[in-house]
Amino acid sequence: MAKAAKTAIKTKDQKAAADAKNWTKVVRTVRSPKTGSYTFKESIVHKDNIKEHLGS
């Protein structure tokens, strides 16, 4: 079982740790027009803008 690194973040700056929970990692699959293979594009998006990001 791995050690939790979260405790170090919370003790240093609780406001930053609370704000970090509002962000989400979005992974999209995109098909390459040349080869037809799939690639993955990752981005960090605020939780209020996820649907807008996926719609585009």
N, C-alpha and C. Protein backbone atom coordinates (compact mmCIF):
# COMPACT_ATOMS: atom_id res chain seq x y z
N MET A 1 0.84 -1.17 0.00
CA MET A 1 0.00 0.00 0.00
C MET A 1 0.89 1.24 0.00
N ALA A 2 0.56 2.19 -0.85
CA ALA A 2 1.38 3.38 -1.00
C ALA A 2 1.08 4.40 0.09
N LYS A 3 2.07 5.21 0.37
CA LYS A 3 1.88 6.28 1.35
C LYS A 3 1.10 7.42 0.70
N ALA A 4 0.24 8.06 1.46
CA ALA A 4 -0.57 9.15 0.94
C ALA A 4 0.22 10.45 0.95
N ALA A 5 0.34 11.07 -0.21
CA ALA A 5 1.03 12.34 -0.31
C ALA A 5 0.08 13.50 -0.03
N LYS A 6 -1.20 13.20 0.09
CA LYS A 6 -2.19 14.24 0.31
C LYS A 6 -1.96 14.98 1.63
N THR A 7 -1.48 14.28 2.63
CA THR A 7 -1.31 14.90 3.94
C THR A 7 -0.27 16.01 3.88
N ALA A 8 0.75 15.87 3.07
CA ALA A 8 1.77 16.90 2.94
C ALA A 8 1.18 18.15 2.30
N ILE A 9 0.29 17.97 1.33
CA ILE A 9 -0.32 19.12 0.66
C ILE A 9 -1.25 19.85 1.62
N LYS A 10 -2.04 19.13 2.36
CA LYS A 10 -3.02 19.76 3.24
C LYS A 10 -2.35 20.54 4.37
N THR A 11 -1.24 20.05 4.87
CA THR A 11 -0.61 20.75 5.98
C THR A 11 0.09 22.01 5.53
N LYS A 12 0.59 22.07 4.29
CA LYS A 12 1.30 23.25 3.82
C LYS A 12 0.35 24.38 3.45
N ASP A 13 -0.63 24.10 2.62
CA ASP A 13 -1.53 25.15 2.16
C ASP A 13 -2.92 24.57 1.96
N GLN A 14 -3.77 24.72 2.92
CA GLN A 14 -5.10 24.11 2.87
C GLN A 14 -5.98 24.78 1.82
N LYS A 15 -5.81 26.07 1.59
CA LYS A 15 -6.62 26.76 0.59
C LYS A 15 -6.30 26.24 -0.81
N ALA A 16 -5.04 26.03 -1.11
CA ALA A 16 -4.64 25.51 -2.43
C ALA A 16 -5.13 24.08 -2.61
N ALA A 17 -5.10 23.28 -1.55
CA ALA A 17 -5.56 21.91 -1.63
C ALA A 17 -7.07 21.87 -1.86
N ALA A 18 -7.81 22.76 -1.24
CA ALA A 18 -9.26 22.81 -1.45
C ALA A 18 -9.59 23.27 -2.86
N ASP A 19 -8.81 24.20 -3.40
CA ASP A 19 -9.05 24.69 -4.75
C ASP A 19 -8.68 23.64 -5.79
N ALA A 20 -7.73 22.79 -5.50
CA ALA A 20 -7.30 21.76 -6.44
C ALA A 20 -8.39 20.72 -6.69
N LYS A 21 -9.32 20.58 -5.77
CA LYS A 21 -10.40 19.61 -5.95
C LYS A 21 -11.40 20.06 -6.99
N ASN A 22 -11.34 21.31 -7.42
CA ASN A 22 -12.27 21.83 -8.42
C ASN A 22 -11.81 21.57 -9.84
N TRP A 23 -10.65 20.99 -10.03
CA TRP A 23 -10.10 20.73 -11.35
C TRP A 23 -10.15 19.24 -11.66
N THR A 24 -10.35 18.91 -12.94
CA THR A 24 -10.49 17.53 -13.38
C THR A 24 -9.61 17.29 -14.60
N LYS A 25 -9.03 16.11 -14.67
CA LYS A 25 -8.24 15.73 -15.84
C LYS A 25 -9.17 15.07 -16.85
N VAL A 26 -9.21 15.61 -18.07
CA VAL A 26 -10.06 15.09 -19.13
C VAL A 26 -9.17 14.45 -20.19
N VAL A 27 -9.47 13.21 -20.53
CA VAL A 27 -8.72 12.49 -21.55
C VAL A 27 -9.66 12.22 -22.72
N ARG A 28 -9.31 12.73 -23.90
CA ARG A 28 -10.13 12.54 -25.09
C ARG A 28 -9.39 11.67 -26.09
N THR A 29 -10.12 10.80 -26.78
CA THR A 29 -9.53 10.03 -27.86
C THR A 29 -9.80 10.76 -29.17
N VAL A 30 -8.75 10.89 -29.97
CA VAL A 30 -8.84 11.59 -31.24
C VAL A 30 -8.29 10.66 -32.32
N ARG A 31 -9.03 10.52 -33.38
CA ARG A 31 -8.59 9.63 -34.47
C ARG A 31 -7.75 10.43 -35.46
N SER A 32 -6.59 9.89 -35.81
CA SER A 32 -5.68 10.54 -36.74
C SER A 32 -6.23 10.39 -38.16
N PRO A 33 -6.31 11.48 -38.92
CA PRO A 33 -6.82 11.36 -40.29
C PRO A 33 -5.86 10.65 -41.24
N LYS A 34 -4.56 10.69 -40.94
CA LYS A 34 -3.57 10.05 -41.82
C LYS A 34 -3.55 8.54 -41.66
N THR A 35 -3.39 8.08 -40.42
CA THR A 35 -3.19 6.64 -40.19
C THR A 35 -4.46 5.93 -39.70
N GLY A 36 -5.41 6.67 -39.18
CA GLY A 36 -6.61 6.05 -38.65
C GLY A 36 -6.46 5.53 -37.24
N SER A 37 -5.29 5.70 -36.66
CA SER A 37 -5.07 5.23 -35.29
C SER A 37 -5.56 6.29 -34.30
N TYR A 38 -5.78 5.85 -33.09
CA TYR A 38 -6.26 6.75 -32.05
C TYR A 38 -5.11 7.32 -31.23
N THR A 39 -5.23 8.57 -30.86
CA THR A 39 -4.30 9.21 -29.94
C THR A 39 -5.11 9.79 -28.79
N PHE A 40 -4.45 10.08 -27.70
CA PHE A 40 -5.12 10.61 -26.53
C PHE A 40 -4.63 12.01 -26.25
N LYS A 41 -5.57 12.92 -26.00
CA LYS A 41 -5.23 14.29 -25.64
C LYS A 41 -5.73 14.53 -24.22
N GLU A 42 -4.82 14.94 -23.36
CA GLU A 42 -5.14 15.17 -21.96
C GLU A 42 -5.15 16.67 -21.69
N SER A 43 -6.09 17.09 -20.85
CA SER A 43 -6.13 18.49 -20.45
C SER A 43 -6.73 18.58 -19.05
N ILE A 44 -6.37 19.63 -18.35
CA ILE A 44 -6.90 19.90 -17.02
C ILE A 44 -7.95 20.99 -17.16
N VAL A 45 -9.19 20.68 -16.74
CA VAL A 45 -10.32 21.57 -16.94
C VAL A 45 -11.03 21.80 -15.61
N HIS A 46 -11.52 23.01 -15.39
CA HIS A 46 -12.30 23.29 -14.19
C HIS A 46 -13.60 22.50 -14.27
N LYS A 47 -14.08 22.03 -13.13
CA LYS A 47 -15.24 21.13 -13.12
C LYS A 47 -16.50 21.78 -13.68
N ASP A 48 -16.60 23.09 -13.69
CA ASP A 48 -17.76 23.78 -14.24
C ASP A 48 -17.73 23.83 -15.77
N ASN A 49 -16.57 23.62 -16.39
CA ASN A 49 -16.42 23.75 -17.84
C ASN A 49 -16.22 22.43 -18.56
N ILE A 50 -16.50 21.31 -17.91
CA ILE A 50 -16.24 20.01 -18.52
C ILE A 50 -17.12 19.78 -19.74
N LYS A 51 -18.42 20.03 -19.62
CA LYS A 51 -19.33 19.79 -20.75
C LYS A 51 -19.00 20.67 -21.93
N GLU A 52 -18.61 21.92 -21.70
CA GLU A 52 -18.22 22.82 -22.79
C GLU A 52 -16.96 22.31 -23.48
N HIS A 53 -16.03 21.79 -22.69
CA HIS A 53 -14.77 21.28 -23.24
C HIS A 53 -15.02 20.03 -24.09
N LEU A 54 -15.86 19.13 -23.62
CA LEU A 54 -16.15 17.91 -24.37
C LEU A 54 -17.01 18.17 -25.60
N GLY A 55 -17.80 19.21 -25.57
CA GLY A 55 -18.64 19.55 -26.71
C GLY A 55 -17.87 20.11 -27.88
N SER A 56 -16.73 20.71 -27.62
CA SER A 56 -15.95 21.31 -28.70
C SER A 56 -15.06 20.33 -29.39
